């Protein structure tokens, strides 16, 4: 039976194929936040940095949150995703109760007054971006595997160290087999 190609959409996950040679995306899981005729944009969910939010924002006090590397583009920018309905009015809904962006001043107030918990947010330095048609070309080269409709658990609760492996394993079939591939096949 031929494999069915499902084009990606916002709210989907892009999982790097096991031997993707780009070090920026090795064993990466990307939440796709925008995908249209102009291009695509997303954030790597499983590349935490050694930095905390307070290292990037003076306006935040005592809010323990790790920053993630969102991708290699514009690493001097800060982005966030969340699962707060209170911030949803100015945010982009990605599906399954997951939102991208929103009223940043309101978010700062909510963090400093403990109206939102660290578990409801992820912050990213930089992003992953593709020009028009670029992601489609990479998909045709089998550089990425599409997992439809990211869940709140995948985005916010799974361990970054295990995210790539767990999502592939949950997809079953050949993807479950991929989840066990060693990083360096010579060591197998």
N, C-alpha and C. Protein backbone atom coordinates (compact mmCIF):
# COMPACT_ATOMS: atom_id res chain seq x y z
N UNK A 1 0.85 -1.19 0.00
CA UNK A 1 0.00 0.00 0.00
C UNK A 1 0.88 1.24 0.00
N UNK A 2 0.70 2.18 -0.93
CA UNK A 2 1.55 3.37 -0.98
C UNK A 2 1.32 4.26 0.24
N UNK A 3 2.39 4.94 0.62
CA UNK A 3 2.32 5.85 1.77
C UNK A 3 1.55 7.11 1.37
N UNK A 4 0.68 7.57 2.24
CA UNK A 4 -0.11 8.78 1.98
C UNK A 4 0.68 9.98 2.50
N UNK A 5 0.83 10.99 1.65
CA UNK A 5 1.53 12.20 2.07
C UNK A 5 0.53 13.20 2.62
N UNK A 6 0.72 13.59 3.87
CA UNK A 6 -0.14 14.60 4.48
C UNK A 6 0.66 15.89 4.57
N UNK A 7 0.23 16.94 3.87
CA UNK A 7 0.98 18.20 3.94
C UNK A 7 0.91 18.78 5.35
N UNK A 8 1.97 19.45 5.75
CA UNK A 8 1.97 20.03 7.10
C UNK A 8 1.04 21.24 7.20
N UNK A 9 0.64 21.53 8.42
CA UNK A 9 -0.20 22.69 8.71
C UNK A 9 0.22 23.24 10.06
N UNK A 10 -0.17 24.47 10.36
CA UNK A 10 0.15 25.03 11.67
C UNK A 10 -0.42 24.12 12.75
N UNK A 11 0.36 23.95 13.81
CA UNK A 11 -0.05 23.06 14.89
C UNK A 11 0.47 21.64 14.75
N UNK A 12 1.08 21.33 13.61
CA UNK A 12 1.68 20.01 13.42
C UNK A 12 3.11 20.01 13.96
N UNK A 13 3.65 18.82 14.13
CA UNK A 13 5.04 18.66 14.53
C UNK A 13 5.85 18.19 13.34
N UNK A 14 7.03 18.75 13.19
CA UNK A 14 8.01 18.27 12.22
C UNK A 14 9.08 17.53 13.01
N UNK A 15 9.30 16.27 12.67
CA UNK A 15 10.30 15.46 13.36
C UNK A 15 11.41 15.19 12.37
N UNK A 16 12.63 15.52 12.75
CA UNK A 16 13.76 15.31 11.84
C UNK A 16 13.99 13.83 11.62
N UNK A 17 14.33 13.46 10.38
CA UNK A 17 14.62 12.06 10.10
C UNK A 17 15.88 11.68 10.88
N UNK A 18 16.07 10.40 11.17
CA UNK A 18 17.14 9.99 12.09
C UNK A 18 18.55 10.45 11.74
N UNK A 19 18.85 10.62 10.45
CA UNK A 19 20.22 10.96 10.08
C UNK A 19 20.33 12.31 9.38
N UNK A 20 19.44 13.23 9.71
CA UNK A 20 19.49 14.57 9.14
C UNK A 20 20.86 15.18 9.44
N UNK A 21 21.62 15.57 8.42
CA UNK A 21 22.99 16.02 8.65
C UNK A 21 23.15 17.44 9.21
N UNK A 22 22.10 18.21 9.30
CA UNK A 22 22.19 19.59 9.79
C UNK A 22 22.23 19.59 11.33
N UNK A 23 23.35 20.04 11.94
CA UNK A 23 23.46 20.02 13.40
C UNK A 23 22.42 20.89 14.11
N UNK A 24 21.86 21.89 13.41
CA UNK A 24 20.80 22.71 14.01
C UNK A 24 19.53 21.91 14.28
N UNK A 25 19.36 20.84 13.52
CA UNK A 25 18.10 20.10 13.59
C UNK A 25 18.26 18.61 13.89
N UNK A 26 19.42 18.19 14.32
CA UNK A 26 19.62 16.78 14.64
C UNK A 26 18.66 16.34 15.75
N UNK A 27 17.87 15.32 15.45
CA UNK A 27 16.90 14.75 16.39
C UNK A 27 15.95 15.82 16.96
N UNK A 28 15.53 16.74 16.11
CA UNK A 28 14.67 17.85 16.54
C UNK A 28 13.20 17.55 16.33
N UNK A 29 12.39 18.17 17.19
CA UNK A 29 10.94 18.18 17.04
C UNK A 29 10.55 19.65 17.00
N UNK A 30 9.90 20.05 15.92
CA UNK A 30 9.53 21.45 15.71
C UNK A 30 8.02 21.60 15.70
N UNK A 31 7.53 22.54 16.50
CA UNK A 31 6.12 22.90 16.46
C UNK A 31 5.94 23.93 15.34
N UNK A 32 5.16 23.58 14.35
CA UNK A 32 4.94 24.46 13.21
C UNK A 32 3.86 25.48 13.58
N UNK A 33 4.23 26.76 13.58
CA UNK A 33 3.31 27.83 13.98
C UNK A 33 2.73 28.59 12.80
N UNK A 34 3.38 28.49 11.68
CA UNK A 34 2.91 29.17 10.48
C UNK A 34 3.35 28.36 9.28
N UNK A 35 2.42 28.15 8.34
CA UNK A 35 2.76 27.45 7.10
C UNK A 35 1.78 27.92 6.04
N UNK A 36 2.30 28.70 5.08
CA UNK A 36 1.46 29.23 4.02
C UNK A 36 2.30 29.47 2.77
N UNK A 37 1.74 30.13 1.78
CA UNK A 37 2.43 30.35 0.51
C UNK A 37 3.71 31.18 0.65
N UNK A 38 3.80 32.00 1.70
CA UNK A 38 4.99 32.84 1.90
C UNK A 38 6.13 32.09 2.59
N UNK A 39 5.82 30.99 3.28
CA UNK A 39 6.87 30.24 3.97
C UNK A 39 6.34 29.59 5.24
N UNK A 40 7.27 29.16 6.06
CA UNK A 40 6.91 28.44 7.29
C UNK A 40 7.77 28.91 8.45
N UNK A 41 7.23 28.78 9.66
CA UNK A 41 7.93 29.19 10.87
C UNK A 41 7.53 28.24 12.00
N UNK A 42 8.53 27.89 12.81
CA UNK A 42 8.25 27.03 13.95
C UNK A 42 9.35 27.14 15.00
N UNK A 43 9.18 26.36 16.08
CA UNK A 43 10.12 26.39 17.20
C UNK A 43 10.53 24.97 17.58
N UNK A 44 11.83 24.79 17.79
CA UNK A 44 12.35 23.49 18.22
C UNK A 44 11.95 23.28 19.68
N UNK A 45 11.23 22.22 19.95
CA UNK A 45 10.70 21.96 21.29
C UNK A 45 11.67 21.23 22.20
N UNK A 46 12.72 20.65 21.65
CA UNK A 46 13.56 19.78 22.47
C UNK A 46 15.03 20.19 22.51
N UNK A 47 15.31 21.48 22.45
CA UNK A 47 16.69 21.97 22.55
C UNK A 47 16.79 23.03 23.66
N UNK A 48 16.72 22.61 24.93
CA UNK A 48 16.84 23.59 26.02
C UNK A 48 18.24 24.19 26.07
N UNK A 49 18.32 25.43 26.51
CA UNK A 49 19.62 26.08 26.70
C UNK A 49 19.99 26.02 28.19
N UNK A 50 21.12 26.58 28.53
CA UNK A 50 21.52 26.69 29.94
C UNK A 50 20.99 27.98 30.56
N UNK A 51 20.25 28.76 29.79
CA UNK A 51 19.75 30.06 30.25
C UNK A 51 18.35 29.94 30.84
N UNK A 52 18.06 30.83 31.76
CA UNK A 52 16.72 30.95 32.35
C UNK A 52 16.09 32.23 31.81
N UNK A 53 14.79 32.33 31.92
CA UNK A 53 14.07 33.49 31.42
C UNK A 53 14.61 34.79 32.03
N UNK A 54 14.97 34.77 33.31
CA UNK A 54 15.49 35.97 33.97
C UNK A 54 16.79 36.46 33.32
N UNK A 55 17.52 35.55 32.65
CA UNK A 55 18.74 35.95 31.95
C UNK A 55 18.44 36.82 30.74
N UNK A 56 17.24 36.69 30.20
CA UNK A 56 16.86 37.44 28.99
C UNK A 56 15.94 38.62 29.27
N UNK A 57 15.19 38.54 30.38
CA UNK A 57 14.20 39.59 30.69
C UNK A 57 14.40 40.12 32.10
N UNK A 58 14.73 41.39 32.22
CA UNK A 58 14.86 42.03 33.53
C UNK A 58 13.49 42.21 34.20
N UNK A 59 12.43 42.27 33.39
CA UNK A 59 11.09 42.52 33.90
C UNK A 59 10.49 41.34 34.66
N UNK A 60 11.15 40.19 34.61
CA UNK A 60 10.63 38.99 35.25
C UNK A 60 11.42 38.70 36.52
N UNK A 61 10.69 38.51 37.61
CA UNK A 61 11.37 38.19 38.86
C UNK A 61 10.94 36.82 39.36
N UNK A 62 11.91 36.00 39.67
CA UNK A 62 11.64 34.71 40.31
C UNK A 62 10.60 33.86 39.57
N UNK A 63 10.81 33.68 38.29
CA UNK A 63 9.94 32.82 37.48
C UNK A 63 10.85 31.80 36.82
N UNK A 64 10.93 30.61 37.38
CA UNK A 64 11.89 29.60 36.96
C UNK A 64 11.46 28.95 35.65
N UNK A 65 12.04 29.41 34.56
CA UNK A 65 11.69 28.88 33.25
C UNK A 65 12.93 28.83 32.37
N UNK A 66 13.20 27.67 31.81
CA UNK A 66 14.34 27.47 30.91
C UNK A 66 14.00 28.04 29.54
N UNK A 67 14.99 28.66 28.90
CA UNK A 67 14.85 29.11 27.52
C UNK A 67 15.26 27.98 26.58
N UNK A 68 14.59 27.88 25.45
CA UNK A 68 14.89 26.88 24.43
C UNK A 68 15.45 27.58 23.20
N UNK A 69 16.26 26.86 22.44
CA UNK A 69 16.72 27.36 21.15
C UNK A 69 15.60 27.05 20.16
N UNK A 70 14.96 28.07 19.67
CA UNK A 70 13.84 27.88 18.74
C UNK A 70 14.28 27.52 17.35
N UNK A 71 15.51 27.86 17.02
CA UNK A 71 16.07 27.59 15.70
C UNK A 71 17.20 28.55 15.40
N UNK A 72 17.78 28.40 14.22
CA UNK A 72 18.97 29.19 13.89
C UNK A 72 18.69 30.60 13.37
N UNK A 73 17.43 30.98 13.20
CA UNK A 73 17.09 32.28 12.63
C UNK A 73 16.84 33.30 13.74
N UNK A 74 17.40 34.48 13.59
CA UNK A 74 17.22 35.62 14.50
C UNK A 74 17.32 35.21 15.98
N UNK A 75 18.49 34.75 16.35
CA UNK A 75 18.71 34.30 17.72
C UNK A 75 18.73 35.43 18.74
N UNK A 76 18.46 36.63 18.29
CA UNK A 76 18.36 37.76 19.22
C UNK A 76 16.90 38.12 19.49
N UNK A 77 15.98 37.23 19.14
CA UNK A 77 14.56 37.45 19.38
C UNK A 77 14.03 36.43 20.39
N UNK A 78 12.99 36.81 21.11
CA UNK A 78 12.37 35.95 22.11
C UNK A 78 10.91 35.70 21.71
N UNK A 79 10.49 34.44 21.72
CA UNK A 79 9.14 34.05 21.33
C UNK A 79 8.57 33.15 22.42
N UNK A 80 7.25 33.03 22.45
CA UNK A 80 6.64 32.14 23.44
C UNK A 80 5.40 31.45 22.90
N UNK A 81 5.18 30.25 23.44
CA UNK A 81 3.94 29.52 23.22
C UNK A 81 3.35 29.25 24.60
N UNK A 82 2.05 29.01 24.64
CA UNK A 82 1.40 28.84 25.94
C UNK A 82 0.10 28.07 25.78
N UNK A 83 -0.50 27.78 26.91
CA UNK A 83 -1.81 27.12 26.92
C UNK A 83 -2.79 27.88 27.81
N UNK A 84 -2.68 29.21 27.79
CA UNK A 84 -3.52 30.07 28.62
C UNK A 84 -4.65 30.68 27.81
N UNK A 85 -5.87 30.34 28.18
CA UNK A 85 -7.03 30.93 27.52
C UNK A 85 -7.12 32.44 27.78
N UNK A 86 -6.56 32.90 28.90
CA UNK A 86 -6.57 34.33 29.25
C UNK A 86 -5.76 35.13 28.23
N UNK A 87 -4.69 34.56 27.70
CA UNK A 87 -3.85 35.24 26.71
C UNK A 87 -4.28 34.96 25.27
N UNK A 88 -5.30 34.17 25.09
CA UNK A 88 -5.67 33.69 23.76
C UNK A 88 -6.21 34.76 22.82
N UNK A 89 -6.77 35.84 23.35
CA UNK A 89 -7.41 36.84 22.49
C UNK A 89 -6.46 37.50 21.49
N UNK A 90 -5.19 37.63 21.79
CA UNK A 90 -4.24 38.24 20.85
C UNK A 90 -3.19 37.24 20.39
N UNK A 91 -3.48 35.96 20.55
CA UNK A 91 -2.54 34.91 20.19
C UNK A 91 -3.03 34.14 18.96
N UNK A 92 -2.14 33.41 18.36
CA UNK A 92 -2.47 32.54 17.23
C UNK A 92 -2.77 31.15 17.78
N UNK A 93 -3.99 30.66 17.57
CA UNK A 93 -4.37 29.34 18.06
C UNK A 93 -3.80 28.28 17.12
N UNK A 94 -3.04 27.34 17.69
CA UNK A 94 -2.41 26.29 16.90
C UNK A 94 -3.17 24.97 16.97
N UNK A 95 -4.23 24.95 17.76
CA UNK A 95 -5.02 23.74 17.94
C UNK A 95 -4.74 23.09 19.27
N UNK A 96 -5.68 22.28 19.73
CA UNK A 96 -5.53 21.51 20.98
C UNK A 96 -5.15 22.36 22.19
N UNK A 97 -5.64 23.59 22.24
CA UNK A 97 -5.37 24.45 23.39
C UNK A 97 -3.96 25.01 23.45
N UNK A 98 -3.26 25.01 22.34
CA UNK A 98 -1.88 25.53 22.26
C UNK A 98 -1.92 26.84 21.48
N UNK A 99 -1.24 27.88 22.03
CA UNK A 99 -1.24 29.20 21.42
C UNK A 99 0.19 29.70 21.22
N UNK A 100 0.35 30.53 20.20
CA UNK A 100 1.64 31.17 19.91
C UNK A 100 1.46 32.68 20.08
N UNK A 101 2.29 33.26 20.97
CA UNK A 101 2.29 34.70 21.17
C UNK A 101 1.09 35.21 21.94
N UNK A 102 0.89 36.50 21.85
CA UNK A 102 -0.21 37.15 22.57
C UNK A 102 0.28 38.46 23.16
N UNK A 103 -0.49 38.99 24.07
CA UNK A 103 -0.19 40.26 24.73
C UNK A 103 0.98 40.06 25.70
N UNK A 104 2.16 40.53 25.32
CA UNK A 104 3.36 40.30 26.11
C UNK A 104 3.33 41.03 27.44
N UNK A 105 2.81 42.24 27.46
CA UNK A 105 2.71 43.00 28.72
C UNK A 105 1.80 42.28 29.71
N UNK A 106 0.70 41.76 29.21
CA UNK A 106 -0.22 41.00 30.05
C UNK A 106 0.47 39.73 30.57
N UNK A 107 1.25 39.09 29.72
CA UNK A 107 2.00 37.89 30.13
C UNK A 107 2.98 38.23 31.25
N UNK A 108 3.71 39.32 31.12
CA UNK A 108 4.66 39.72 32.16
C UNK A 108 3.94 39.92 33.49
N UNK A 109 2.81 40.61 33.45
CA UNK A 109 2.02 40.82 34.67
C UNK A 109 1.57 39.50 35.26
N UNK A 110 1.09 38.61 34.42
CA UNK A 110 0.62 37.31 34.89
C UNK A 110 1.75 36.49 35.51
N UNK A 111 2.94 36.56 34.93
CA UNK A 111 4.08 35.82 35.49
C UNK A 111 4.49 36.39 36.84
N UNK A 112 4.59 37.72 36.92
CA UNK A 112 5.05 38.36 38.15
C UNK A 112 4.04 38.30 39.29
N UNK A 113 2.76 38.07 38.96
CA UNK A 113 1.73 37.97 39.99
C UNK A 113 1.25 36.53 40.17
N UNK A 114 1.97 35.60 39.56
CA UNK A 114 1.69 34.16 39.68
C UNK A 114 0.29 33.76 39.20
N UNK A 115 -0.20 34.46 38.17
CA UNK A 115 -1.49 34.11 37.57
C UNK A 115 -1.33 33.04 36.49
N UNK A 116 -0.09 32.72 36.18
CA UNK A 116 0.23 31.69 35.20
C UNK A 116 1.43 30.92 35.74
N UNK A 117 1.45 29.63 35.50
CA UNK A 117 2.55 28.81 36.02
C UNK A 117 3.58 28.55 34.92
N UNK A 118 4.82 28.28 35.31
CA UNK A 118 5.87 27.98 34.33
C UNK A 118 5.51 26.80 33.42
N UNK A 119 4.71 25.86 33.89
CA UNK A 119 4.34 24.69 33.10
C UNK A 119 3.41 25.02 31.94
N UNK A 120 2.84 26.21 31.95
CA UNK A 120 1.91 26.61 30.89
C UNK A 120 2.60 27.34 29.74
N UNK A 121 3.92 27.51 29.82
CA UNK A 121 4.66 28.32 28.86
C UNK A 121 5.93 27.64 28.38
N UNK A 122 6.36 28.02 27.18
CA UNK A 122 7.71 27.71 26.70
C UNK A 122 8.21 28.95 25.98
N UNK A 123 9.47 29.30 26.24
CA UNK A 123 10.10 30.46 25.61
C UNK A 123 11.23 30.01 24.71
N UNK A 124 11.39 30.70 23.59
CA UNK A 124 12.39 30.33 22.59
C UNK A 124 13.23 31.53 22.18
N UNK A 125 14.51 31.29 22.04
CA UNK A 125 15.43 32.27 21.48
C UNK A 125 15.60 31.88 20.02
N UNK A 126 15.20 32.78 19.12
CA UNK A 126 15.27 32.47 17.69
C UNK A 126 14.13 31.58 17.25
N UNK A 127 14.13 31.26 15.96
CA UNK A 127 13.10 30.39 15.41
C UNK A 127 13.65 29.62 14.22
N UNK A 128 12.86 28.68 13.75
CA UNK A 128 13.17 27.90 12.56
C UNK A 128 12.29 28.44 11.44
N UNK A 129 12.89 28.78 10.31
CA UNK A 129 12.12 29.36 9.23
C UNK A 129 12.47 28.78 7.88
N UNK A 130 11.49 28.75 6.99
CA UNK A 130 11.65 28.26 5.64
C UNK A 130 11.04 29.26 4.67
N UNK A 131 11.71 29.52 3.57
CA UNK A 131 11.17 30.38 2.51
C UNK A 131 10.06 29.63 1.79
N UNK A 132 9.33 30.34 0.96
CA UNK A 132 8.25 29.74 0.19
C UNK A 132 8.76 28.51 -0.57
N UNK A 133 8.08 27.37 -0.39
CA UNK A 133 8.44 26.14 -1.09
C UNK A 133 9.59 25.35 -0.49
N UNK A 134 10.36 25.96 0.40
CA UNK A 134 11.55 25.29 0.95
C UNK A 134 11.18 24.08 1.80
N UNK A 135 10.20 24.22 2.68
CA UNK A 135 9.81 23.09 3.53
C UNK A 135 9.25 21.95 2.69
N UNK A 136 8.46 22.27 1.69
CA UNK A 136 7.91 21.23 0.82
C UNK A 136 9.04 20.45 0.14
N UNK A 137 10.07 21.16 -0.31
CA UNK A 137 11.21 20.49 -0.94
C UNK A 137 11.92 19.57 0.05
N UNK A 138 12.08 20.03 1.29
CA UNK A 138 12.73 19.21 2.31
C UNK A 138 11.87 17.99 2.67
N UNK A 139 10.55 18.15 2.64
CA UNK A 139 9.66 17.02 2.88
C UNK A 139 9.77 15.99 1.77
N UNK A 140 9.90 16.44 0.53
CA UNK A 140 10.06 15.51 -0.60
C UNK A 140 11.38 14.76 -0.52
N UNK A 141 12.39 15.37 0.12
CA UNK A 141 13.68 14.72 0.32
C UNK A 141 13.67 13.83 1.56
N UNK A 142 12.52 13.73 2.21
CA UNK A 142 12.35 12.93 3.43
C UNK A 142 13.22 13.41 4.59
N UNK A 143 13.46 14.72 4.66
CA UNK A 143 14.22 15.28 5.79
C UNK A 143 13.37 15.40 7.04
N UNK A 144 12.04 15.47 6.85
CA UNK A 144 11.12 15.67 7.97
C UNK A 144 9.98 14.66 7.92
N UNK A 145 9.51 14.30 9.08
CA UNK A 145 8.33 13.45 9.24
C UNK A 145 7.27 14.33 9.89
N UNK A 146 6.07 14.32 9.34
CA UNK A 146 4.99 15.16 9.87
C UNK A 146 4.14 14.34 10.84
N UNK A 147 3.97 14.88 12.03
CA UNK A 147 3.05 14.31 13.03
C UNK A 147 1.92 15.33 13.15
N UNK A 148 0.73 14.94 12.74
CA UNK A 148 -0.41 15.86 12.70
C UNK A 148 -0.88 16.25 14.09
N UNK A 149 -1.30 17.50 14.24
CA UNK A 149 -1.98 18.04 15.42
C UNK A 149 -1.27 17.73 16.74
N UNK A 150 -0.26 18.53 17.03
CA UNK A 150 0.49 18.38 18.29
C UNK A 150 -0.46 18.42 19.48
N UNK A 151 -0.15 17.62 20.47
CA UNK A 151 -0.96 17.63 21.69
C UNK A 151 -0.29 18.49 22.75
N UNK A 152 -1.08 18.92 23.71
CA UNK A 152 -0.56 19.70 24.83
C UNK A 152 0.52 18.91 25.58
N UNK A 153 0.30 17.61 25.73
CA UNK A 153 1.29 16.78 26.42
C UNK A 153 2.62 16.76 25.68
N UNK A 154 2.58 16.59 24.36
CA UNK A 154 3.82 16.57 23.58
C UNK A 154 4.57 17.89 23.69
N UNK A 155 3.85 18.98 23.63
CA UNK A 155 4.46 20.31 23.60
C UNK A 155 4.96 20.76 24.98
N UNK A 156 4.18 20.50 26.02
CA UNK A 156 4.50 21.07 27.32
C UNK A 156 4.98 20.08 28.38
N UNK A 157 4.63 18.80 28.26
CA UNK A 157 4.92 17.90 29.37
C UNK A 157 5.97 16.83 29.12
N UNK A 158 6.24 16.48 27.88
CA UNK A 158 7.23 15.44 27.62
C UNK A 158 8.64 15.96 27.83
N UNK A 159 9.50 15.11 28.31
CA UNK A 159 10.90 15.48 28.54
C UNK A 159 11.59 15.79 27.21
N UNK A 160 12.31 16.93 27.13
CA UNK A 160 13.00 17.26 25.88
C UNK A 160 13.97 16.16 25.44
N UNK A 161 14.59 15.50 26.40
CA UNK A 161 15.56 14.45 26.08
C UNK A 161 14.93 13.25 25.37
N UNK A 162 13.65 13.02 25.64
CA UNK A 162 12.97 11.84 25.10
C UNK A 162 11.92 12.17 24.04
N UNK A 163 11.67 13.44 23.79
CA UNK A 163 10.57 13.87 22.93
C UNK A 163 10.65 13.25 21.53
N UNK A 164 11.78 13.37 20.87
CA UNK A 164 11.96 12.86 19.50
C UNK A 164 11.63 11.37 19.47
N UNK A 165 12.23 10.63 20.35
CA UNK A 165 12.05 9.17 20.39
C UNK A 165 10.61 8.79 20.73
N UNK A 166 10.01 9.44 21.73
CA UNK A 166 8.66 9.08 22.15
C UNK A 166 7.61 9.37 21.08
N UNK A 167 7.74 10.48 20.39
CA UNK A 167 6.76 10.80 19.35
C UNK A 167 6.87 9.81 18.20
N UNK A 168 8.08 9.53 17.76
CA UNK A 168 8.23 8.55 16.68
C UNK A 168 7.69 7.19 17.10
N UNK A 169 7.99 6.76 18.30
CA UNK A 169 7.51 5.45 18.77
C UNK A 169 5.98 5.43 18.81
N UNK A 170 5.36 6.53 19.21
CA UNK A 170 3.89 6.57 19.28
C UNK A 170 3.24 6.55 17.91
N UNK A 171 3.98 6.90 16.86
CA UNK A 171 3.44 6.90 15.50
C UNK A 171 3.39 5.48 14.93
N UNK A 172 4.09 4.54 15.55
CA UNK A 172 4.03 3.14 15.14
C UNK A 172 4.74 2.85 13.82
N UNK A 173 4.62 1.60 13.38
CA UNK A 173 5.19 1.17 12.10
C UNK A 173 6.67 1.47 11.98
N UNK A 174 7.06 1.94 10.79
CA UNK A 174 8.47 2.23 10.54
C UNK A 174 8.99 3.34 11.45
N UNK A 175 8.09 4.23 11.88
CA UNK A 175 8.52 5.33 12.75
C UNK A 175 8.95 4.81 14.12
N UNK A 176 8.28 3.78 14.60
CA UNK A 176 8.69 3.16 15.86
C UNK A 176 10.10 2.58 15.71
N UNK A 177 10.38 2.01 14.55
CA UNK A 177 11.71 1.49 14.29
C UNK A 177 12.74 2.64 14.25
N UNK A 178 12.38 3.75 13.60
CA UNK A 178 13.27 4.91 13.54
C UNK A 178 13.64 5.40 14.94
N UNK A 179 12.68 5.31 15.88
CA UNK A 179 12.91 5.85 17.22
C UNK A 179 14.06 5.15 17.94
N UNK A 180 14.42 3.98 17.48
CA UNK A 180 15.51 3.23 18.11
C UNK A 180 16.83 3.33 17.36
N UNK A 181 16.85 4.06 16.25
CA UNK A 181 18.10 4.21 15.50
C UNK A 181 19.14 4.92 16.36
N UNK A 182 20.38 4.43 16.36
CA UNK A 182 21.43 5.13 17.10
C UNK A 182 21.81 6.42 16.38
N UNK A 183 22.32 7.39 17.12
CA UNK A 183 22.75 8.65 16.50
C UNK A 183 23.86 8.38 15.49
N UNK A 184 24.78 7.51 15.83
CA UNK A 184 25.85 7.12 14.92
C UNK A 184 25.68 5.63 14.61
N UNK A 185 25.22 5.29 13.39
CA UNK A 185 24.95 3.90 13.06
C UNK A 185 26.19 3.00 13.11
N UNK A 186 27.37 3.59 13.06
CA UNK A 186 28.60 2.78 13.16
C UNK A 186 28.76 2.18 14.55
N UNK A 187 28.04 2.75 15.54
CA UNK A 187 28.14 2.26 16.90
C UNK A 187 27.11 1.18 17.22
N UNK A 188 26.34 0.80 16.22
CA UNK A 188 25.30 -0.20 16.40
C UNK A 188 25.87 -1.60 16.46
